[in-house]
Amino acid sequence: MTAIGLGIPSAPPKPLATRRASRKIWVGDVPVGGDAPVSIQSMTTTLTSDVNSTLQQIAELTAAGCQIVRVAVPSQDDADALPAIAKKSAIPVIADIHFQPKYVFAAIDAGCAAVRVNPGNIKAFDDKIAEIAKAASAAGTPIRIGVNAGSLDKRLLAKYGKATPEALVESALWECSLFEEHGFRDIKISVKHNDPVVMINAYRQLAEACDYPLHLGVTEAGPAFQGTIKSSVAFGALLAEGIGDTIRVSLSVPPVEEVKVGLSILESLGLRERRLEIVSCPSCGRAEVDVYRLAAEVEAALEGMEVPIRVAVMGCVVNGPGEAREADLGVASGKGKGQIFVRGEVIKTVPESQIVETLVYEAMRIADEMTAAGGASGPPVVTAS
């Protein structure tokens, strides 16, 4: 009798590279850097001064999996709203400050979990660092030095001609050195660019030059499709090298969608336990069922499922049985019907019209079993003589 293990292995995949050694800071109750998992951030799109709307959006982001949220503070009304938002938010709130250094102090006084400053946009920012370092240190408030290609210090633009990786890194490290002169090192850094190649090279250089935790971002990445591709390429390259401690996907879509993309990137790299994963074939002339419709309906029906289940929706006999057998749950379709697999075994064959409802039913049943077992999903053992 030989024991054959089928289904998805219960052990998580090994990381592609050893994480870069960085110092750990705390943004509220979320650790960033060191041995902490890569965290996911987003930013509200509401007027920060509209406290109720901002808190509602933060609640939606929290439900989607966001761990840290940033709010814009361009006016005194926004600064005045910070105490209520910081107090009532379920996740740490970072105040995003441009142009007015007085709002940095307002954010610290308001109890924000961290403050993001953009040196290129704050006039005479360097002259204020001693005061900022003193206030932030007293309150235990980390500072993110957020350098952006679109607002690089004019002195560095003159030196380099444009926002090169070297210019972005020099800007960030210069500001860090000024904080260090006052004994302040509770810092994380971002050096964002809209070009993934420039951004990747900037973060690689920065990772070699310091041990501060790094916040990854492709700034102004674009609409959903283009921005997702650019962010996935850039984050994938860096995270696969062990570079990056927290991420924000910047898309021209509602911010909840940014969080979904960020989660998917981390899950795909084995940096976050996967939740629902749909494996489906691209369809071809061999397909004998409507794979596009089946995959879309299964995904829609199971959206929001938290337990780690892989569901395979396959349209022909070439790869279908193998992929369906390797998933937690799957269907291998052909001639208007589908074989339903549960953890490596065929449990039934159903007509095409019943495939979706059968998969949804079995997925819910498996999810209940996994929840009852504490989330464990070990592969079944099939004996063969």
Protein backbone atom coordinates (compact mmCIF):
# COMPACT_ATOMS: atom_id res chain seq x y z
CA MET A 1 0.00 0.00 0.00
CA THR A 2 1.53 3.33 -1.07
CA ALA A 3 0.23 6.58 0.42
CA ILE A 4 -0.25 9.24 -2.23
CA GLY A 5 -0.83 12.81 -1.07
CA LEU A 6 -3.14 14.83 -3.28
CA GLY A 7 -4.41 18.38 -3.12
CA ILE A 8 -2.65 21.59 -2.14
CA PRO A 9 0.30 21.26 0.28
CA SER A 10 -0.50 22.69 3.70
CA ALA A 11 2.97 24.24 4.16
CA PRO A 12 3.42 27.77 2.74
CA PRO A 13 5.88 28.18 -0.12
CA LYS A 14 9.42 29.17 0.69
CA PRO A 15 10.15 32.86 0.09
CA LEU A 16 12.00 33.71 -3.11
CA ALA A 17 14.75 35.52 -1.20
CA THR A 18 15.81 36.32 2.34
CA ARG A 19 14.22 39.56 3.52
CA ARG A 20 16.57 42.50 3.62
CA ALA A 21 17.64 43.25 7.17
CA SER A 22 15.98 46.50 8.23
CA ARG A 23 15.27 48.18 11.53
CA LYS A 24 11.75 47.78 12.88
CA ILE A 25 9.45 50.69 13.61
CA TRP A 26 5.88 50.72 14.87
CA VAL A 27 3.10 52.55 13.07
CA GLY A 28 0.49 52.44 15.79
CA ASP A 29 0.16 48.74 16.56
CA VAL A 30 1.49 47.61 13.17
CA PRO A 31 5.19 46.65 13.01
CA VAL A 32 7.02 47.72 9.85
CA GLY A 33 10.44 46.34 8.96
CA GLY A 34 12.62 43.84 10.78
CA ASP A 35 10.91 40.46 10.93
CA ALA A 36 7.41 41.90 10.51
CA PRO A 37 5.28 40.72 7.57
CA VAL A 38 4.94 43.10 4.62
CA SER A 39 1.97 45.32 5.42
CA ILE A 40 -0.61 46.84 3.09
CA GLN A 41 -1.53 50.52 3.02
CA SER A 42 -3.94 52.73 1.12
CA MET A 43 -5.10 56.34 1.20
CA THR A 44 -8.53 57.84 1.62
CA THR A 45 -10.06 59.86 -1.21
CA THR A 46 -12.54 61.76 0.95
CA LEU A 47 -12.08 65.28 2.26
CA THR A 48 -10.31 64.65 5.53
CA SER A 49 -12.31 67.47 7.09
CA ASP A 50 -15.44 65.36 6.49
CA VAL A 51 -14.82 63.13 9.49
CA ASN A 52 -17.79 60.80 9.02
CA SER A 53 -17.10 60.13 5.33
CA THR A 54 -13.41 59.60 6.02
CA LEU A 55 -14.09 57.15 8.86
CA GLN A 56 -16.61 55.31 6.67
CA GLN A 57 -14.02 54.87 3.96
CA ILE A 58 -11.41 53.77 6.49
CA ALA A 59 -13.87 51.14 7.74
CA GLU A 60 -14.33 49.87 4.16
CA LEU A 61 -10.57 49.72 3.67
CA THR A 62 -10.12 47.89 6.96
CA ALA A 63 -12.72 45.30 5.94
CA ALA A 64 -10.85 44.77 2.65
CA GLY A 65 -7.59 44.01 4.48
CA CYS A 66 -5.89 47.41 4.69
CA GLN A 67 -3.59 47.64 7.73
CA ILE A 68 -2.46 51.28 7.64
CA VAL A 69 -4.29 54.23 6.10
CA ARG A 70 -3.06 57.65 5.02
CA VAL A 71 -5.17 60.82 4.97
CA ALA A 72 -4.37 64.07 3.18
CA VAL A 73 -3.93 67.23 5.25
CA PRO A 74 -3.83 70.20 2.86
CA SER A 75 -5.81 72.64 5.03
CA GLN A 76 -6.42 73.72 8.60
CA ASP A 77 -9.88 72.14 8.51
CA ASP A 78 -8.25 68.82 7.67
CA ALA A 79 -5.73 69.23 10.49
CA ASP A 80 -8.58 70.01 12.89
CA ALA A 81 -10.27 66.72 11.92
CA LEU A 82 -7.23 64.57 12.71
CA PRO A 83 -7.83 63.99 16.45
CA ALA A 84 -11.29 62.47 15.87
CA ILE A 85 -10.12 60.37 12.93
CA ALA A 86 -7.00 59.08 14.67
CA LYS A 87 -9.03 58.18 17.76
CA LYS A 88 -11.91 56.42 16.01
CA SER A 89 -10.09 54.63 13.19
CA ALA A 90 -9.70 50.87 13.65
CA ILE A 91 -6.29 50.96 11.92
CA PRO A 92 -3.32 53.33 12.30
CA VAL A 93 -3.71 56.69 10.57
CA ILE A 94 -0.82 58.46 8.83
CA ALA A 95 -1.12 62.18 8.13
CA ASP A 96 0.12 63.12 4.65
CA ILE A 97 1.75 66.55 4.77
CA HIS A 98 2.78 68.78 1.87
CA PHE A 99 3.64 72.49 1.76
CA GLN A 100 2.82 73.48 5.36
CA PRO A 101 5.18 72.24 8.10
CA LYS A 102 2.76 73.47 10.78
CA TYR A 103 0.50 70.55 9.92
CA VAL A 104 3.28 68.12 10.84
CA PHE A 105 3.07 69.36 14.42
CA ALA A 106 -0.74 69.31 14.30
CA ALA A 107 -0.68 65.67 13.21
CA ILE A 108 1.71 64.69 15.98
CA ASP A 109 -0.43 66.51 18.55
CA ALA A 110 -3.55 64.81 17.14
CA GLY A 111 -2.18 61.36 17.93
CA CYS A 112 -1.64 60.19 14.37
CA ALA A 113 0.30 56.92 14.19
CA ALA A 114 2.86 58.43 11.80
CA VAL A 115 3.44 61.45 9.58
CA ARG A 116 4.46 61.39 5.93
CA VAL A 117 6.44 64.39 4.78
CA ASN A 118 7.46 65.25 1.23
CA PRO A 119 10.67 67.31 1.50
CA GLY A 120 10.43 68.57 -2.08
CA ASN A 121 7.08 70.22 -1.41
CA ILE A 122 7.73 71.82 1.97
CA LYS A 123 9.42 75.21 1.79
CA ALA A 124 12.44 75.50 4.07
CA PHE A 125 11.68 71.99 5.34
CA ASP A 126 15.27 71.35 6.36
CA ASP A 127 15.15 74.32 8.74
CA LYS A 128 12.26 72.69 10.60
CA ILE A 129 13.79 69.26 11.10
CA ALA A 130 15.16 69.94 14.58
CA GLU A 131 11.70 70.93 15.81
CA ILE A 132 9.99 68.04 14.01
CA ALA A 133 12.49 65.51 15.36
CA LYS A 134 11.97 66.79 18.90
CA ALA A 135 8.18 66.69 18.70
CA ALA A 136 8.05 63.30 16.95
CA SER A 137 10.51 61.78 19.38
CA ALA A 138 8.57 63.02 22.40
CA ALA A 139 5.32 61.59 21.03
CA GLY A 140 6.83 58.36 19.68
CA THR A 141 5.61 59.22 16.19
CA PRO A 142 7.49 57.75 13.21
CA ILE A 143 8.21 59.88 10.16
CA ARG A 144 8.00 58.65 6.58
CA ILE A 145 10.29 60.55 4.27
CA GLY A 146 8.31 60.29 1.05
CA VAL A 147 10.29 61.38 -2.00
CA ASN A 148 8.32 61.62 -5.25
CA ALA A 149 9.65 62.04 -8.78
CA GLY A 150 7.01 64.68 -9.47
CA SER A 151 8.04 66.90 -6.57
CA LEU A 152 11.77 66.40 -6.32
CA ASP A 153 13.82 69.16 -4.71
CA LYS A 154 14.83 71.71 -7.37
CA ARG A 155 18.46 71.51 -6.30
CA LEU A 156 18.55 67.82 -7.17
CA LEU A 157 16.70 68.36 -10.44
CA ALA A 158 19.38 70.88 -11.38
CA LYS A 159 22.13 68.45 -10.41
CA TYR A 160 20.78 65.36 -12.18
CA GLY A 161 18.65 66.89 -14.92
CA LYS A 162 15.61 64.76 -14.03
CA ALA A 163 14.30 62.41 -11.37
CA THR A 164 16.87 59.63 -11.72
CA PRO A 165 17.22 56.78 -9.21
CA GLU A 166 20.32 58.50 -7.88
CA ALA A 167 18.46 61.79 -7.40
CA LEU A 168 15.60 60.12 -5.52
CA VAL A 169 17.96 58.21 -3.24
CA GLU A 170 20.15 61.25 -2.55
CA SER A 171 17.08 63.27 -1.56
CA ALA A 172 15.87 60.61 0.87
CA LEU A 173 19.25 59.96 2.47
CA TRP A 174 19.96 63.68 2.84
CA GLU A 175 16.77 64.16 4.83
CA CYS A 176 17.53 61.08 6.92
CA SER A 177 20.95 62.48 7.76
CA LEU A 178 19.39 65.69 9.04
CA PHE A 179 17.05 63.75 11.33
CA GLU A 180 19.96 61.59 12.46
CA GLU A 181 21.87 64.71 13.53
CA HIS A 182 19.15 65.15 16.16
CA GLY A 183 19.18 61.51 17.21
CA PHE A 184 15.93 60.65 15.42
CA ARG A 185 15.87 57.35 13.53
CA ASP A 186 12.23 56.29 13.78
CA ILE A 187 12.00 56.62 10.01
CA LYS A 188 10.78 54.77 6.97
CA ILE A 189 11.48 55.84 3.41
CA SER A 190 9.79 55.80 0.02
CA VAL A 191 11.29 56.88 -3.32
CA LYS A 192 8.41 56.72 -5.77
CA HIS A 193 8.43 57.09 -9.52
CA ASN A 194 5.79 56.40 -12.17
CA ASP A 195 8.28 54.35 -14.23
CA PRO A 196 8.71 50.88 -12.69
CA VAL A 197 12.27 50.53 -14.01
CA VAL A 198 13.40 53.80 -12.40
CA MET A 199 11.52 52.93 -9.23
CA ILE A 200 13.08 49.45 -8.98
CA ASN A 201 16.59 50.81 -9.45
CA ALA A 202 15.99 53.54 -6.86
CA TYR A 203 14.84 51.08 -4.21
CA ARG A 204 17.72 48.71 -4.96
CA GLN A 205 20.19 51.53 -4.39
CA LEU A 206 18.38 52.65 -1.27
CA ALA A 207 18.33 49.11 0.13
CA GLU A 208 22.11 48.96 -0.21
CA ALA A 209 22.67 52.37 1.37
CA CYS A 210 20.63 52.17 4.58
CA ASP A 211 18.77 49.89 6.97
CA TYR A 212 15.57 51.94 7.25
CA PRO A 213 12.31 50.11 6.44
CA LEU A 214 11.12 50.83 2.91
CA HIS A 215 7.62 51.70 1.76
CA LEU A 216 7.15 50.54 -1.84
CA GLY A 217 5.04 52.44 -4.33
CA VAL A 218 4.78 53.25 -8.02
CA THR A 219 3.40 56.77 -7.88
CA GLU A 220 0.57 57.74 -10.24
CA ALA A 221 0.57 54.19 -11.56
CA GLY A 222 -2.55 54.86 -13.64
CA PRO A 223 -5.99 53.35 -14.25
CA ALA A 224 -6.85 49.90 -12.92
CA PHE A 225 -5.37 47.73 -15.66
CA GLN A 226 -2.22 49.69 -16.41
CA GLY A 227 -1.57 50.56 -12.78
CA THR A 228 -2.02 46.99 -11.63
CA ILE A 229 0.50 45.75 -14.20
CA LYS A 230 3.07 48.42 -13.33
CA SER A 231 2.69 47.90 -9.59
CA SER A 232 2.79 44.11 -9.87
CA VAL A 233 5.95 44.19 -11.97
CA ALA A 234 7.74 46.66 -9.68
CA PHE A 235 6.64 45.13 -6.38
CA GLY A 236 7.22 41.60 -7.64
CA ALA A 237 10.78 42.37 -8.69
CA LEU A 238 11.68 44.03 -5.39
CA LEU A 239 9.83 41.74 -3.00
CA ALA A 240 11.31 38.73 -4.79
CA GLU A 241 14.71 40.15 -3.84
CA GLY A 242 13.65 40.65 -0.22
CA ILE A 243 13.29 44.43 -0.59
CA GLY A 244 10.21 46.13 0.83
CA ASP A 245 8.48 46.28 4.20
CA THR A 246 5.14 47.89 3.43
CA ILE A 247 3.33 48.63 0.15
CA ARG A 248 0.71 50.91 -1.34
CA VAL A 249 -0.73 50.28 -4.80
CA SER A 250 -1.64 53.68 -6.31
CA LEU A 251 -4.52 53.34 -8.77
CA SER A 252 -7.09 55.69 -10.27
CA VAL A 253 -9.89 53.62 -8.77
CA PRO A 254 -11.65 53.46 -5.39
CA PRO A 255 -9.02 52.69 -2.74
CA VAL A 256 -10.55 49.35 -1.73
CA GLU A 257 -9.45 48.09 -5.16
CA GLU A 258 -5.87 49.14 -4.33
CA VAL A 259 -5.98 46.93 -1.25
CA LYS A 260 -7.29 43.96 -3.23
CA VAL A 261 -4.44 44.27 -5.73
CA GLY A 262 -1.89 44.62 -2.94
CA LEU A 263 -3.17 41.52 -1.18
CA SER A 264 -3.08 39.55 -4.41
CA ILE A 265 0.52 40.57 -5.05
CA LEU A 266 1.61 39.43 -1.59
CA GLU A 267 -0.37 36.19 -1.85
CA SER A 268 1.12 35.44 -5.27
CA LEU A 269 4.64 35.79 -3.85
CA GLY A 270 3.91 33.66 -0.80
CA LEU A 271 4.27 36.68 1.50
CA ARG A 272 0.70 36.45 2.74
CA GLU A 273 -1.44 33.38 3.30
CA ARG A 274 -3.55 33.00 0.22
CA ARG A 275 -7.30 33.30 0.47
CA LEU A 276 -9.61 32.41 -2.40
CA GLU A 277 -7.67 31.65 -5.58
CA ILE A 278 -9.37 30.90 -8.88
CA VAL A 279 -7.33 28.85 -11.34
CA SER A 280 -8.97 28.93 -14.76
CA CYS A 281 -7.84 28.21 -18.30
CA PRO A 282 -7.75 30.96 -20.95
CA SER A 283 -10.04 28.86 -23.18
CA CYS A 284 -9.24 27.80 -26.73
CA GLY A 285 -10.74 25.89 -29.63
CA ARG A 286 -10.75 22.71 -27.53
CA ALA A 287 -13.12 24.17 -24.91
CA GLU A 288 -16.53 22.55 -24.89
CA VAL A 289 -18.08 24.77 -22.18
CA ASP A 290 -18.18 28.54 -21.63
CA VAL A 291 -15.09 28.87 -19.42
CA TYR A 292 -15.25 32.67 -19.27
CA ARG A 293 -18.78 32.62 -17.88
CA LEU A 294 -18.10 29.78 -15.44
CA ALA A 295 -14.95 31.39 -14.02
CA ALA A 296 -16.60 34.80 -13.67
CA GLU A 297 -19.67 33.40 -11.94
CA VAL A 298 -17.63 31.27 -9.53
CA GLU A 299 -15.39 34.21 -8.67
CA ALA A 300 -18.38 36.50 -8.08
CA ALA A 301 -20.19 33.93 -5.93
CA LEU A 302 -17.15 33.27 -3.72
CA GLU A 303 -15.83 36.84 -3.48
CA GLY A 304 -14.84 37.72 0.05
CA MET A 305 -14.12 34.17 1.15
CA GLU A 306 -11.33 34.38 3.72
CA VAL A 307 -10.20 30.76 4.01
CA PRO A 308 -7.37 29.61 1.70
CA ILE A 309 -9.15 27.65 -1.02
CA ARG A 310 -7.92 27.11 -4.56
CA VAL A 311 -10.70 26.47 -7.07
CA ALA A 312 -9.86 25.29 -10.59
CA VAL A 313 -12.30 25.99 -13.43
CA MET A 314 -11.05 24.14 -16.49
CA GLY A 315 -12.58 23.84 -19.93
CA CYS A 316 -11.13 20.79 -21.68
CA VAL A 317 -9.48 17.41 -21.13
CA VAL A 318 -5.89 18.49 -21.90
CA ASN A 319 -4.99 20.16 -18.59
CA GLY A 320 -8.38 20.11 -16.93
CA PRO A 321 -8.24 16.88 -14.93
CA GLY A 322 -4.71 17.54 -13.68
CA GLU A 323 -5.39 21.12 -12.59
CA ALA A 324 -8.73 20.19 -11.02
CA ARG A 325 -7.10 17.31 -9.16
CA GLU A 326 -4.32 19.52 -7.75
CA ALA A 327 -6.73 22.17 -6.44
CA ASP A 328 -8.78 21.99 -3.25
CA LEU A 329 -11.83 22.03 -5.48
CA GLY A 330 -12.17 21.94 -9.23
CA VAL A 331 -14.06 21.08 -12.34
CA ALA A 332 -12.75 19.47 -15.52
CA SER A 333 -15.31 20.27 -18.21
CA GLY A 334 -16.18 18.82 -21.59
CA LYS A 335 -19.14 18.00 -23.83
CA GLY A 336 -21.49 20.19 -21.80
CA LYS A 337 -20.77 18.64 -18.42
CA GLY A 338 -18.12 18.70 -15.72
CA GLN A 339 -16.34 16.33 -13.40
CA ILE A 340 -16.20 17.82 -9.89
CA PHE A 341 -12.99 17.15 -7.94
CA VAL A 342 -12.66 17.66 -4.18
CA ARG A 343 -9.05 17.45 -2.96
CA GLY A 344 -7.96 15.09 -5.68
CA GLU A 345 -10.99 12.84 -5.99
CA VAL A 346 -13.90 12.92 -8.43
CA ILE A 347 -17.08 13.17 -6.38
CA LYS A 348 -19.65 13.60 -9.16
CA THR A 349 -20.32 14.62 -12.76
CA VAL A 350 -22.87 17.36 -13.38
CA PRO A 351 -24.31 19.13 -16.45
CA GLU A 352 -22.83 22.51 -17.36
CA SER A 353 -25.90 24.28 -15.98
CA GLN A 354 -25.12 22.93 -12.50
CA ILE A 355 -21.35 23.44 -12.41
CA VAL A 356 -21.36 26.84 -10.70
CA GLU A 357 -23.90 25.98 -8.01
CA THR A 358 -22.08 22.71 -7.30
CA LEU A 359 -18.70 24.40 -6.98
CA VAL A 360 -20.14 27.11 -4.72
CA TYR A 361 -21.84 24.52 -2.50
CA GLU A 362 -18.67 22.43 -2.19
CA ALA A 363 -16.53 25.51 -1.57
CA MET A 364 -18.77 26.58 1.29
CA ARG A 365 -18.70 23.07 2.73
CA ILE A 366 -14.89 22.92 2.55
CA ALA A 367 -14.65 26.40 4.09
CA ASP A 368 -16.82 25.31 7.01
CA GLU A 369 -14.63 22.24 7.54
CA MET A 370 -11.45 24.33 7.45
CA THR A 371 -12.87 26.90 9.85
CA ALA A 372 -13.92 24.15 12.27
CA ALA A 373 -10.42 22.68 12.05
CA GLY A 374 -8.78 26.03 12.75
CA GLY A 375 -7.95 26.79 9.13
CA ALA A 376 -5.87 23.66 8.52
CA SER A 377 -6.31 22.14 5.08
CA GLY A 378 -4.15 19.10 4.85
CA PRO A 379 -4.25 16.99 1.68
CA PRO A 380 -6.22 13.75 1.76
CA VAL A 381 -4.39 10.48 1.62
CA VAL A 382 -5.46 7.99 -1.01
CA THR A 383 -4.23 4.43 -0.65
CA ALA A 384 -3.47 2.31 -3.67
CA SER A 385 -2.35 -1.27 -3.85
